[in-house]
Amino acid sequence: MVGFKGLFTKKTLFGLFLGQILSLFITSTGFTSSELARRGINAPTSQSLANYVLLAIVYGGVLISRRNGMKAKWYYYLLLGLVDVEANYLVVKAYQYTSLTSVMLLDCWSIPCVIILSWFFLKTKYRFKKIIGVVICVAGIVLVIFSDVHASDRSQSGSNPVKGDLLVIAGATLYAVCNVSEEFFTKTADQVELLAMLGLFGAIASGIQISVLEREELKSIHWSSGAVLPYAGFAAAMFLFYSGVPVLLKISGSTMLNLSLLTSDMWSVLIRIFVYREKVDWMYFVAFAAVAVGLVVYSVFDKEVDEPGGDELGKSMRFDEEADVAGRLSS
């Protein structure tokens, strides 16, 4: 039987901590997107372009300085870049039609998608204790939904809530595809290569999409400090988020990443309380506690801890599987 100290390893604690840092970055992107939407700025692809350019410049420079060959074919990164651009476009576009709360709640759809995709493609095994952790996390979010209904928060639901909600669900599905793909590349290729290629192809795809869909919108924007600051804040938060994602994926996997991001809803509530001096329903605090407990349950019952006798064998088998898939990629 594994002791209490054995459950809370440095890896587990670091994964929990990093997950919350990334969650705060996502919260920041939500608030900046809402601010831009409030000012009538409707250019979702343009918002993400700066992030892709930063990724390409920073990590592309590191990749070039290494002078090593690519570990995966470039067209895999091209496909990943296209999916990532459209995922960001759909979710940011949704802020034009629905509320911040709705966007952050419906993002939860990515969790079952990630579990199914990682189980099917990455052969990830989810033990019953880990499923319990997922259920507790989602239960916490359900409490937030009931709290919103109780507080009649839907009165500020946006111009077309149904359209906005559908955009979020579509974007969350694409995010799941991206997360599982990034976990695969992080474990079989290279984190710097992943971020550099994602930035490069994401910037190209964004540039093409902007020229087709957002030219007139960009011309009509009055670039005052009120517009530039949220735009710059969004780009900075996205860059930091993207930089940290591969680290968490390598440590804990894509399901842990998506569960960690559930607390972005709670951080947004705390910001509303302490920054905007808003009153929120007591259910939010119960929900925050539920998500926190679910995260701990999921992370501490990692399969390496759950099967102490099979640790080295499990690592060896996973390494062999990853090497085999990587070989197929580069062939």
C-alpha atoms as a PDB file:
ATOM      1  CA  MET A   1       0.000   0.000   0.000  1.00  0.00           C
ATOM      2  CA  VAL A   2       1.382   3.405  -0.983  1.00  0.00           C
ATOM      3  CA  GLY A   3       1.781   5.872   1.907  1.00  0.00           C
ATOM      4  CA  PHE A   4       0.519   9.455   1.951  1.00  0.00           C
ATOM      5  CA  LYS A   5       3.998  10.853   1.294  1.00  0.00           C
ATOM      6  CA  GLY A   6       4.452   8.412  -1.565  1.00  0.00           C
ATOM      7  CA  LEU A   7       1.373   9.758  -3.283  1.00  0.00           C
ATOM      8  CA  PHE A   8       2.475  13.400  -3.186  1.00  0.00           C
ATOM      9  CA  THR A   9       5.735  13.072  -5.081  1.00  0.00           C
ATOM     10  CA  LYS A  10       7.659  16.059  -6.463  1.00  0.00           C
ATOM     11  CA  LYS A  11       6.348  15.161  -9.920  1.00  0.00           C
ATOM     12  CA  THR A  12       2.741  15.225  -8.690  1.00  0.00           C
ATOM     13  CA  LEU A  13       3.123  18.516  -6.840  1.00  0.00           C
ATOM     14  CA  PHE A  14       4.914  20.163  -9.746  1.00  0.00           C
ATOM     15  CA  GLY A  15       2.204  18.956 -12.156  1.00  0.00           C
ATOM     16  CA  LEU A  16      -0.516  20.407  -9.923  1.00  0.00           C
ATOM     17  CA  PHE A  17       1.356  23.713  -9.559  1.00  0.00           C
ATOM     18  CA  LEU A  18       2.142  24.078 -13.270  1.00  0.00           C
ATOM     19  CA  GLY A  19      -1.448  23.206 -14.143  1.00  0.00           C
ATOM     20  CA  GLN A  20      -2.693  26.134 -12.063  1.00  0.00           C
ATOM     21  CA  ILE A  21      -0.183  28.543 -13.591  1.00  0.00           C
ATOM     22  CA  LEU A  22      -1.450  27.551 -17.039  1.00  0.00           C
ATOM     23  CA  SER A  23      -5.019  27.886 -15.785  1.00  0.00           C
ATOM     24  CA  LEU A  24      -4.301  31.479 -14.741  1.00  0.00           C
ATOM     25  CA  PHE A  25      -2.932  32.217 -18.229  1.00  0.00           C
ATOM     26  CA  ILE A  26      -6.158  30.862 -19.752  1.00  0.00           C
ATOM     27  CA  THR A  27      -8.163  33.024 -17.372  1.00  0.00           C
ATOM     28  CA  SER A  28      -6.170  36.022 -18.604  1.00  0.00           C
ATOM     29  CA  THR A  29      -6.961  35.216 -22.243  1.00  0.00           C
ATOM     30  CA  GLY A  30     -10.653  34.936 -21.371  1.00  0.00           C
ATOM     31  CA  PHE A  31     -10.768  38.361 -19.758  1.00  0.00           C
ATOM     32  CA  THR A  32      -8.775  40.057 -22.532  1.00  0.00           C
ATOM     33  CA  SER A  33     -10.963  38.429 -25.209  1.00  0.00           C
ATOM     34  CA  SER A  34     -14.089  39.604 -23.400  1.00  0.00           C
ATOM     35  CA  GLU A  35     -12.669  43.121 -23.186  1.00  0.00           C
ATOM     36  CA  LEU A  36     -11.899  43.190 -26.910  1.00  0.00           C
ATOM     37  CA  ALA A  37     -15.385  41.878 -27.703  1.00  0.00           C
ATOM     38  CA  ARG A  38     -16.887  44.541 -25.435  1.00  0.00           C
ATOM     39  CA  ARG A  39     -15.056  47.195 -27.462  1.00  0.00           C
ATOM     40  CA  GLY A  40     -16.515  45.791 -30.672  1.00  0.00           C
ATOM     41  CA  ILE A  41     -13.267  44.243 -31.929  1.00  0.00           C
ATOM     42  CA  ASN A  42     -14.162  41.075 -33.852  1.00  0.00           C
ATOM     43  CA  ALA A  43     -10.874  39.688 -35.185  1.00  0.00           C
ATOM     44  CA  PRO A  44     -10.256  36.313 -33.479  1.00  0.00           C
ATOM     45  CA  THR A  45      -7.553  35.084 -35.863  1.00  0.00           C
ATOM     46  CA  SER A  46      -5.665  38.367 -35.549  1.00  0.00           C
ATOM     47  CA  GLN A  47      -5.652  37.961 -31.770  1.00  0.00           C
ATOM     48  CA  SER A  48      -3.845  34.615 -32.060  1.00  0.00           C
ATOM     49  CA  LEU A  49      -1.406  35.682 -34.795  1.00  0.00           C
ATOM     50  CA  ALA A  50       0.986  37.473 -32.422  1.00  0.00           C
ATOM     51  CA  ASN A  51       1.274  34.339 -30.289  1.00  0.00           C
ATOM     52  CA  TYR A  52       2.205  32.156 -33.267  1.00  0.00           C
ATOM     53  CA  VAL A  53       4.758  34.706 -34.458  1.00  0.00           C
ATOM     54  CA  LEU A  54       6.364  34.803 -30.998  1.00  0.00           C
ATOM     55  CA  LEU A  55       6.505  30.993 -30.873  1.00  0.00           C
ATOM     56  CA  ALA A  56       8.099  30.834 -34.331  1.00  0.00           C
ATOM     57  CA  ILE A  57      10.705  33.487 -33.518  1.00  0.00           C
ATOM     58  CA  VAL A  58      11.699  32.337 -30.016  1.00  0.00           C
ATOM     59  CA  TYR A  59      11.594  28.559 -30.417  1.00  0.00           C
ATOM     60  CA  GLY A  60      12.459  28.636 -34.115  1.00  0.00           C
ATOM     61  CA  GLY A  61      15.662  30.495 -33.210  1.00  0.00           C
ATOM     62  CA  VAL A  62      16.527  27.847 -30.624  1.00  0.00           C
ATOM     63  CA  LEU A  63      15.775  25.054 -33.102  1.00  0.00           C
ATOM     64  CA  ILE A  64      17.964  26.603 -35.801  1.00  0.00           C
ATOM     65  CA  SER A  65      20.846  27.108 -33.370  1.00  0.00           C
ATOM     66  CA  ARG A  66      20.803  23.401 -32.531  1.00  0.00           C
ATOM     67  CA  ARG A  67      21.344  22.456 -36.180  1.00  0.00           C
ATOM     68  CA  ASN A  68      19.686  19.088 -35.675  1.00  0.00           C
ATOM     69  CA  GLY A  69      17.393  17.339 -38.116  1.00  0.00           C
ATOM     70  CA  MET A  70      13.624  17.206 -37.689  1.00  0.00           C
ATOM     71  CA  LYS A  71      12.373  14.314 -35.596  1.00  0.00           C
ATOM     72  CA  ALA A  72       8.922  14.291 -37.238  1.00  0.00           C
ATOM     73  CA  LYS A  73       7.701  15.082 -40.742  1.00  0.00           C
ATOM     74  CA  TRP A  74       6.851  18.748 -41.314  1.00  0.00           C
ATOM     75  CA  TYR A  75       3.394  18.036 -42.729  1.00  0.00           C
ATOM     76  CA  TYR A  76       2.262  16.555 -39.405  1.00  0.00           C
ATOM     77  CA  TYR A  77       3.035  19.908 -37.804  1.00  0.00           C
ATOM     78  CA  LEU A  78       1.245  21.651 -40.677  1.00  0.00           C
ATOM     79  CA  LEU A  79      -1.957  19.726 -39.915  1.00  0.00           C
ATOM     80  CA  LEU A  80      -1.559  20.401 -36.193  1.00  0.00           C
ATOM     81  CA  GLY A  81      -1.077  24.113 -36.881  1.00  0.00           C
ATOM     82  CA  LEU A  82      -4.255  24.272 -38.982  1.00  0.00           C
ATOM     83  CA  VAL A  83      -6.334  22.513 -36.324  1.00  0.00           C
ATOM     84  CA  ASP A  84      -4.906  24.727 -33.577  1.00  0.00           C
ATOM     85  CA  VAL A  85      -5.641  27.939 -35.506  1.00  0.00           C
ATOM     86  CA  GLU A  86      -9.242  26.928 -36.118  1.00  0.00           C
ATOM     87  CA  ALA A  87      -9.706  25.846 -32.478  1.00  0.00           C
ATOM     88  CA  ASN A  88      -8.535  29.268 -31.283  1.00  0.00           C
ATOM     89  CA  TYR A  89     -10.651  31.002 -33.936  1.00  0.00           C
ATOM     90  CA  LEU A  90     -13.856  29.213 -32.940  1.00  0.00           C
ATOM     91  CA  VAL A  91     -13.460  29.769 -29.196  1.00  0.00           C
ATOM     92  CA  VAL A  92     -12.407  33.425 -29.484  1.00  0.00           C
ATOM     93  CA  LYS A  93     -15.222  34.002 -32.004  1.00  0.00           C
ATOM     94  CA  ALA A  94     -17.683  32.613 -29.465  1.00  0.00           C
ATOM     95  CA  TYR A  95     -17.029  35.580 -27.154  1.00  0.00           C
ATOM     96  CA  GLN A  96     -18.875  37.730 -29.721  1.00  0.00           C
ATOM     97  CA  TYR A  97     -22.095  35.765 -29.164  1.00  0.00           C
ATOM     98  CA  THR A  98     -22.141  34.320 -25.648  1.00  0.00           C
ATOM     99  CA  SER A  99     -20.934  35.085 -22.133  1.00  0.00           C
ATOM    100  CA  LEU A 100     -17.497  34.506 -20.617  1.00  0.00           C
ATOM    101  CA  THR A 101     -19.060  32.026 -18.184  1.00  0.00           C
ATOM    102  CA  SER A 102     -20.628  29.991 -20.983  1.00  0.00           C
ATOM    103  CA  VAL A 103     -17.359  29.808 -22.908  1.00  0.00           C
ATOM    104  CA  MET A 104     -15.364  28.619 -19.921  1.00  0.00           C
ATOM    105  CA  LEU A 105     -18.022  26.086 -18.885  1.00  0.00           C
ATOM    106  CA  LEU A 106     -18.545  24.538 -22.310  1.00  0.00           C
ATOM    107  CA  ASP A 107     -14.780  24.207 -22.706  1.00  0.00           C
ATOM    108  CA  CYS A 108     -15.213  21.209 -20.396  1.00  0.00           C
ATOM    109  CA  TRP A 109     -16.360  19.244 -23.452  1.00  0.00           C
ATOM    110  CA  SER A 110     -12.674  18.821 -24.295  1.00  0.00           C
ATOM    111  CA  ILE A 111     -12.214  16.495 -21.285  1.00  0.00           C
ATOM    112  CA  PRO A 112     -14.275  13.490 -22.490  1.00  0.00           C
ATOM    113  CA  CYS A 113     -12.868  14.088 -25.987  1.00  0.00           C
ATOM    114  CA  VAL A 114      -9.296  13.952 -24.666  1.00  0.00           C
ATOM    115  CA  ILE A 115      -9.996  10.812 -22.631  1.00  0.00           C
ATOM    116  CA  ILE A 116     -11.456   9.009 -25.660  1.00  0.00           C
ATOM    117  CA  LEU A 117      -8.732  10.164 -28.068  1.00  0.00           C
ATOM    118  CA  SER A 118      -5.835   9.400 -25.712  1.00  0.00           C
ATOM    119  CA  TRP A 119      -7.320   5.998 -24.879  1.00  0.00           C
ATOM    120  CA  PHE A 120      -7.792   5.147 -28.553  1.00  0.00           C
ATOM    121  CA  PHE A 121      -4.629   6.623 -30.118  1.00  0.00           C
ATOM    122  CA  LEU A 122      -2.096   6.814 -27.254  1.00  0.00           C
ATOM    123  CA  LYS A 123      -3.329   3.657 -25.494  1.00  0.00           C
ATOM    124  CA  THR A 124      -3.574   5.561 -22.207  1.00  0.00           C
ATOM    125  CA  LYS A 125      -5.108   3.449 -19.447  1.00  0.00           C
ATOM    126  CA  TYR A 126      -7.490   5.143 -17.033  1.00  0.00           C
ATOM    127  CA  ARG A 127      -7.923   3.330 -13.742  1.00  0.00           C
ATOM    128  CA  PHE A 128     -11.134   3.641 -11.769  1.00  0.00           C
ATOM    129  CA  LYS A 129      -9.563   5.983  -9.209  1.00  0.00           C
ATOM    130  CA  LYS A 130      -8.508   8.371 -11.961  1.00  0.00           C
ATOM    131  CA  ILE A 131     -12.014   8.317 -13.452  1.00  0.00           C
ATOM    132  CA  ILE A 132     -13.333   9.261 -10.015  1.00  0.00           C
ATOM    133  CA  GLY A 133     -11.048  12.291 -10.081  1.00  0.00           C
ATOM    134  CA  VAL A 134     -12.437  13.317 -13.476  1.00  0.00           C
ATOM    135  CA  VAL A 135     -16.032  12.929 -12.245  1.00  0.00           C
ATOM    136  CA  ILE A 136     -15.349  15.066  -9.157  1.00  0.00           C
ATOM    137  CA  CYS A 137     -13.832  17.819 -11.321  1.00  0.00           C
ATOM    138  CA  VAL A 138     -16.767  17.858 -13.720  1.00  0.00           C
ATOM    139  CA  ALA A 139     -19.204  17.791 -10.769  1.00  0.00           C
ATOM    140  CA  GLY A 140     -17.563  20.986  -9.545  1.00  0.00           C
ATOM    141  CA  ILE A 141     -18.233  22.664 -12.878  1.00  0.00           C
ATOM    142  CA  VAL A 142     -21.859  21.492 -12.802  1.00  0.00           C
ATOM    143  CA  LEU A 143     -22.175  23.353  -9.498  1.00  0.00           C
ATOM    144  CA  VAL A 144     -20.985  26.504 -11.226  1.00  0.00           C
ATOM    145  CA  ILE A 145     -23.678  26.043 -13.880  1.00  0.00           C
ATOM    146  CA  PHE A 146     -26.363  25.748 -11.193  1.00  0.00           C
ATOM    147  CA  SER A 147     -24.903  28.795  -9.502  1.00  0.00           C
ATOM    148  CA  ASP A 148     -25.190  30.806 -12.722  1.00  0.00           C
ATOM    149  CA  VAL A 149     -28.800  29.735 -13.151  1.00  0.00           C
ATOM    150  CA  HIS A 150     -29.513  30.586  -9.530  1.00  0.00           C
ATOM    151  CA  ALA A 151     -27.946  34.023  -9.916  1.00  0.00           C
ATOM    152  CA  SER A 152     -29.712  34.667 -13.254  1.00  0.00           C
ATOM    153  CA  ASP A 153     -26.309  35.294 -14.822  1.00  0.00           C
ATOM    154  CA  ARG A 154     -27.740  34.308 -18.228  1.00  0.00           C
ATOM    155  CA  SER A 155     -29.216  37.796 -18.555  1.00  0.00           C
ATOM    156  CA  GLN A 156     -25.788  38.786 -19.829  1.00  0.00           C
ATOM    157  CA  SER A 157     -25.503  35.829 -22.163  1.00  0.00           C
ATOM    158  CA  GLY A 158     -24.619  37.682 -25.359  1.00  0.00           C
ATOM    159  CA  SER A 159     -26.278  38.410 -28.685  1.00  0.00           C
ATOM    160  CA  ASN A 160     -26.685  34.784 -29.863  1.00  0.00           C
ATOM    161  CA  PRO A 161     -25.966  32.315 -27.023  1.00  0.00           C
ATOM    162  CA  VAL A 162     -26.849  29.176 -29.002  1.00  0.00           C
ATOM    163  CA  LYS A 163     -24.471  30.041 -31.839  1.00  0.00           C
ATOM    164  CA  GLY A 164     -21.770  30.985 -29.361  1.00  0.00           C
ATOM    165  CA  ASP A 165     -22.193  27.754 -27.395  1.00  0.00           C
ATOM    166  CA  LEU A 166     -21.953  25.643 -30.582  1.00  0.00           C
ATOM    167  CA  LEU A 167     -18.762  27.470 -31.550  1.00  0.00           C
ATOM    168  CA  VAL A 168     -17.265  26.687 -28.136  1.00  0.00           C
ATOM    169  CA  ILE A 169     -18.164  22.992 -28.388  1.00  0.00           C
ATOM    170  CA  ALA A 170     -16.588  22.753 -31.855  1.00  0.00           C
ATOM    171  CA  GLY A 171     -13.495  24.599 -30.646  1.00  0.00           C
ATOM    172  CA  ALA A 172     -13.217  22.402 -27.540  1.00  0.00           C
ATOM    173  CA  THR A 173     -13.298  19.279 -29.739  1.00  0.00           C
ATOM    174  CA  LEU A 174     -10.449  20.644 -31.859  1.00  0.00           C
ATOM    175  CA  TYR A 175      -8.548  21.586 -28.682  1.00  0.00           C
ATOM    176  CA  ALA A 176      -8.800  17.946 -27.610  1.00  0.00           C
ATOM    177  CA  VAL A 177      -7.314  16.827 -30.936  1.00  0.00           C
ATOM    178  CA  CYS A 178      -4.504  19.372 -30.487  1.00  0.00           C
ATOM    179  CA  ASN A 179      -3.764  18.366 -26.892  1.00  0.00           C
ATOM    180  CA  VAL A 180      -3.536  14.656 -27.651  1.00  0.00           C
ATOM    181  CA  SER A 181      -1.409  15.349 -30.744  1.00  0.00           C
ATOM    182  CA  GLU A 182       0.902  17.618 -28.751  1.00  0.00           C
ATOM    183  CA  GLU A 183       1.257  14.968 -26.051  1.00  0.00           C
ATOM    184  CA  PHE A 184       2.284  12.497 -28.735  1.00  0.00           C
ATOM    185  CA  PHE A 185       4.870  14.850 -30.276  1.00  0.00           C
ATOM    186  CA  THR A 186       6.170  15.916 -26.864  1.00  0.00           C
ATOM    187  CA  LYS A 187       6.897  12.315 -25.927  1.00  0.00           C
ATOM    188  CA  THR A 188       8.173  11.094 -29.295  1.00  0.00           C
ATOM    189  CA  ALA A 189       9.777  14.146 -30.903  1.00  0.00           C
ATOM    190  CA  ASP A 190      10.941  17.353 -29.196  1.00  0.00           C
ATOM    191  CA  GLN A 191       9.237  20.157 -27.261  1.00  0.00           C
ATOM    192  CA  VAL A 192      11.199  22.962 -28.930  1.00  0.00           C
ATOM    193  CA  GLU A 193      10.575  21.495 -32.382  1.00  0.00           C
ATOM    194  CA  LEU A 194       6.864  21.194 -31.594  1.00  0.00           C
ATOM    195  CA  LEU A 195       6.514  24.825 -30.476  1.00  0.00           C
ATOM    196  CA  ALA A 196       8.658  26.183 -33.324  1.00  0.00           C
ATOM    197  CA  MET A 197       6.741  24.324 -36.032  1.00  0.00           C
ATOM    198  CA  LEU A 198       3.379  25.046 -34.403  1.00  0.00           C
ATOM    199  CA  GLY A 199       4.290  28.729 -34.359  1.00  0.00           C
ATOM    200  CA  LEU A 200       5.512  28.725 -37.951  1.00  0.00           C
ATOM    201  CA  PHE A 201       2.544  26.948 -39.520  1.00  0.00           C
ATOM    202  CA  GLY A 202       0.098  28.606 -37.153  1.00  0.00           C
ATOM    203  CA  ALA A 203       1.367  32.032 -38.225  1.00  0.00           C
ATOM    204  CA  ILE A 204       1.118  31.124 -41.928  1.00  0.00           C
ATOM    205  CA  ALA A 205      -2.405  29.731 -41.560  1.00  0.00           C
ATOM    206  CA  SER A 206      -3.464  32.736 -39.474  1.00  0.00           C
ATOM    207  CA  GLY A 207      -2.057  35.179 -42.026  1.00  0.00           C
ATOM    208  CA  ILE A 208      -3.968  33.534 -44.860  1.00  0.00           C
ATOM    209  CA  GLN A 209      -7.187  33.425 -42.844  1.00  0.00           C
ATOM    210  CA  ILE A 210      -6.835  37.077 -41.821  1.00  0.00           C
ATOM    211  CA  SER A 211      -6.386  38.163 -45.438  1.00  0.00           C
ATOM    212  CA  VAL A 212      -9.611  36.367 -46.373  1.00  0.00           C
ATOM    213  CA  LEU A 213     -11.887  36.920 -43.370  1.00  0.00           C
ATOM    214  CA  GLU A 214     -10.642  39.844 -41.296  1.00  0.00           C
ATOM    215  CA  ARG A 215      -9.191  42.506 -43.587  1.00  0.00           C
ATOM    216  CA  GLU A 216     -12.152  44.860 -43.291  1.00  0.00           C
ATOM    217  CA  GLU A 217     -12.437  44.315 -39.567  1.00  0.00           C
ATOM    218  CA  LEU A 218      -8.784  45.243 -39.026  1.00  0.00           C
ATOM    219  CA  LYS A 219      -9.185  48.396 -41.104  1.00  0.00           C
ATOM    220  CA  SER A 220     -12.142  49.519 -39.005  1.00  0.00           C
ATOM    221  CA  ILE A 221     -10.369  49.078 -35.641  1.00  0.00           C
ATOM    222  CA  HIS A 222      -9.254  52.253 -33.886  1.00  0.00           C
ATOM    223  CA  TRP A 223      -6.002  51.152 -32.246  1.00  0.00           C
ATOM    224  CA  SER A 224      -6.189  53.120 -29.011  1.00  0.00           C
ATOM    225  CA  SER A 225      -4.518  52.049 -25.772  1.00  0.00           C
ATOM    226  CA  GLY A 226      -7.819  50.474 -24.753  1.00  0.00           C
ATOM    227  CA  ALA A 227      -7.555  48.116 -27.731  1.00  0.00           C
ATOM    228  CA  VAL A 228      -3.782  47.577 -27.817  1.00  0.00           C
ATOM    229  CA  LEU A 229      -3.371  46.620 -24.162  1.00  0.00           C
ATOM    230  CA  PRO A 230      -5.919  43.743 -24.166  1.00  0.00           C
ATOM    231  CA  TYR A 231      -4.519  42.571 -27.512  1.00  0.00           C
ATOM    232  CA  ALA A 232      -0.941  42.558 -26.166  1.00  0.00           C
ATOM    233  CA  GLY A 233      -2.094  40.913 -22.931  1.00  0.00           C
ATOM    234  CA  PHE A 234      -3.837  38.166 -24.868  1.00  0.00           C
ATOM    235  CA  ALA A 235      -0.713  37.501 -26.964  1.00  0.00           C
ATOM    236  CA  ALA A 236       1.578  37.399 -23.913  1.00  0.00           C
ATOM    237  CA  ALA A 237      -0.715  35.081 -21.956  1.00  0.00           C
ATOM    238  CA  MET A 238      -1.116  32.750 -24.940  1.00  0.00           C
ATOM    239  CA  PHE A 239       2.649  32.604 -25.536  1.00  0.00           C
ATOM    240  CA  LEU A 240       3.345  31.707 -21.911  1.00  0.00           C
ATOM    241  CA  PHE A 241       0.516  29.171 -21.943  1.00  0.00           C
ATOM    242  CA  TYR A 242       1.782  27.466 -25.101  1.00  0.00           C
ATOM    243  CA  SER A 243       5.317  27.412 -23.689  1.00  0.00           C
ATOM    244  CA  GLY A 244       4.204  25.584 -20.560  1.00  0.00           C
ATOM    245  CA  VAL A 245       1.776  23.111 -22.133  1.00  0.00           C
ATOM    246  CA  PRO A 246       4.385  20.627 -23.476  1.00  0.00           C
ATOM    247  CA  VAL A 247       6.024  20.443 -20.043  1.00  0.00           C
ATOM    248  CA  LEU A 248       2.761  19.474 -18.340  1.00  0.00           C
ATOM    249  CA  LEU A 249       1.865  17.086 -21.165  1.00  0.00           C
ATOM    250  CA  LYS A 250       5.150  15.252 -20.722  1.00  0.00           C
ATOM    251  CA  ILE A 251       4.738  15.065 -16.945  1.00  0.00           C
ATOM    252  CA  SER A 252       1.043  14.295 -16.560  1.00  0.00           C
ATOM    253  CA  GLY A 253      -0.621  13.922 -19.975  1.00  0.00           C
ATOM    254  CA  SER A 254      -3.382  15.709 -21.852  1.00  0.00           C
ATOM    255  CA  THR A 255      -6.223  14.707 -19.506  1.00  0.00           C
ATOM    256  CA  MET A 256      -4.472  16.289 -16.523  1.00  0.00           C
ATOM    257  CA  LEU A 257      -3.922  19.430 -18.598  1.00  0.00           C
ATOM    258  CA  ASN A 258      -7.630  19.763 -19.391  1.00  0.00           C
ATOM    259  CA  LEU A 259      -8.662  19.006 -15.814  1.00  0.00           C
ATOM    260  CA  SER A 260      -6.257  21.666 -14.538  1.00  0.00           C
ATOM    261  CA  LEU A 261      -7.771  24.229 -16.887  1.00  0.00           C
ATOM    262  CA  LEU A 262     -11.164  23.704 -15.244  1.00  0.00           C
ATOM    263  CA  THR A 263     -10.006  25.922 -12.388  1.00  0.00           C
ATOM    264  CA  SER A 264      -9.772  28.850 -14.808  1.00  0.00           C
ATOM    265  CA  ASP A 265     -13.505  29.248 -14.144  1.00  0.00           C
ATOM    266  CA  MET A 266     -12.743  29.603 -10.449  1.00  0.00           C
ATOM    267  CA  TRP A 267      -9.858  32.021 -10.928  1.00  0.00           C
ATOM    268  CA  SER A 268     -12.161  34.191 -13.021  1.00  0.00           C
ATOM    269  CA  VAL A 269     -14.608  34.217 -10.106  1.00  0.00           C
ATOM    270  CA  LEU A 270     -11.882  35.320  -7.693  1.00  0.00           C
ATOM    271  CA  ILE A 271     -10.910  38.121 -10.064  1.00  0.00           C
ATOM    272  CA  ARG A 272     -14.542  39.214 -10.235  1.00  0.00           C
ATOM    273  CA  ILE A 273     -14.641  39.300  -6.420  1.00  0.00           C
ATOM    274  CA  PHE A 274     -11.370  41.081  -5.661  1.00  0.00           C
ATOM    275  CA  VAL A 275     -10.861  43.220  -8.774  1.00  0.00           C
ATOM    276  CA  TYR A 276     -14.400  44.080  -9.885  1.00  0.00           C
ATOM    277  CA  ARG A 277     -15.923  43.850  -6.370  1.00  0.00           C
ATOM    278  CA  GLU A 278     -18.753  41.643  -7.627  1.00  0.00           C
ATOM    279  CA  LYS A 279     -20.792  39.363  -5.399  1.00  0.00           C
ATOM    280  CA  VAL A 280     -20.924  35.709  -6.390  1.00  0.00           C
ATOM    281  CA  ASP A 281     -22.978  32.765  -5.234  1.00  0.00           C
ATOM    282  CA  TRP A 282     -21.608  30.526  -2.450  1.00  0.00           C
ATOM    283  CA  MET A 283     -21.753  27.523  -4.813  1.00  0.00           C
ATOM    284  CA  TYR A 284     -18.674  28.864  -6.609  1.00  0.00           C
ATOM    285  CA  PHE A 285     -16.532  28.189  -3.556  1.00  0.00           C
ATOM    286  CA  VAL A 286     -17.911  24.662  -3.157  1.00  0.00           C
ATOM    287  CA  ALA A 287     -17.225  24.100  -6.876  1.00  0.00           C
ATOM    288  CA  PHE A 288     -13.651  25.354  -6.525  1.00  0.00           C
ATOM    289  CA  ALA A 289     -13.056  22.908  -3.675  1.00  0.00           C
ATOM    290  CA  ALA A 290     -14.589  20.044  -5.687  1.00  0.00           C
ATOM    291  CA  VAL A 291     -12.365  20.715  -8.701  1.00  0.00           C
ATOM    292  CA  ALA A 292      -9.294  20.988  -6.460  1.00  0.00           C
ATOM    293  CA  VAL A 293     -10.104  17.649  -4.783  1.00  0.00           C
ATOM    294  CA  GLY A 294     -10.720  16.019  -8.181  1.00  0.00           C
ATOM    295  CA  LEU A 295      -7.360  17.235  -9.479  1.00  0.00           C
ATOM    296  CA  VAL A 296      -5.560  15.820  -6.465  1.00  0.00           C
ATOM    297  CA  VAL A 297      -7.394  12.480  -6.727  1.00  0.00           C
ATOM    298  CA  TYR A 298      -6.577  12.202 -10.432  1.00  0.00           C
ATOM    299  CA  SER A 299      -2.914  13.190 -10.119  1.00  0.00           C
ATOM    300  CA  VAL A 300      -1.894  11.196  -7.034  1.00  0.00           C
ATOM    301  CA  PHE A 301      -3.268   7.939  -8.375  1.00  0.00           C
ATOM    302  CA  ASP A 302      -0.951   7.978 -11.349  1.00  0.00           C
ATOM    303  CA  LYS A 303      -0.329   4.516 -12.772  1.00  0.00           C
ATOM    304  CA  GLU A 304       3.391   4.654 -11.888  1.00  0.00           C
ATOM    305  CA  VAL A 305       2.404   5.070  -8.229  1.00  0.00           C
ATOM    306  CA  ASP A 306      -0.501   2.668  -8.445  1.00  0.00           C
ATOM    307  CA  GLU A 307       1.779  -0.124  -9.672  1.00  0.00           C
ATOM    308  CA  PRO A 308       5.090   0.300  -7.811  1.00  0.00           C
ATOM    309  CA  GLY A 309       6.281  -3.150  -8.781  1.00  0.00           C
ATOM    310  CA  GLY A 310       5.793  -2.562 -12.491  1.00  0.00           C
ATOM    311  CA  ASP A 311       7.355   0.867 -12.739  1.00  0.00           C
ATOM    312  CA  GLU A 312      10.440   0.046 -14.796  1.00  0.00           C
ATOM    313  CA  LEU A 313       8.578  -2.432 -16.996  1.00  0.00           C
ATOM    314  CA  GLY A 314       5.852   0.146 -17.678  1.00  0.00           C
ATOM    315  CA  LYS A 315       8.420   2.784 -18.584  1.00  0.00           C
ATOM    316  CA  SER A 316      10.233   0.355 -20.871  1.00  0.00           C
ATOM    317  CA  MET A 317       7.030  -0.644 -22.638  1.00  0.00           C
ATOM    318  CA  ARG A 318       5.984   2.981 -23.133  1.00  0.00           C
ATOM    319  CA  PHE A 319       9.441   3.862 -24.436  1.00  0.00           C
ATOM    320  CA  ASP A 320       9.330   1.003 -26.937  1.00  0.00           C
ATOM    321  CA  GLU A 321       5.851   2.037 -28.115  1.00  0.00           C
ATOM    322  CA  GLU A 322       6.895   5.681 -28.511  1.00  0.00           C
ATOM    323  CA  ALA A 323      10.062   4.745 -30.371  1.00  0.00           C
ATOM    324  CA  ASP A 324       8.074   2.516 -32.714  1.00  0.00           C
ATOM    325  CA  VAL A 325       5.560   5.279 -33.506  1.00  0.00           C
ATOM    326  CA  ALA A 326       8.328   7.853 -33.912  1.00  0.00           C
ATOM    327  CA  GLY A 327      10.038   5.537 -36.365  1.00  0.00           C
ATOM    328  CA  ARG A 328       6.872   5.321 -38.429  1.00  0.00           C
ATOM    329  CA  LEU A 329       6.560   9.115 -38.409  1.00  0.00           C
ATOM    330  CA  SER A 330      10.058   9.734 -39.714  1.00  0.00           C
ATOM    331  CA  SER A 331       9.928   6.948 -42.328  1.00  0.00           C
END
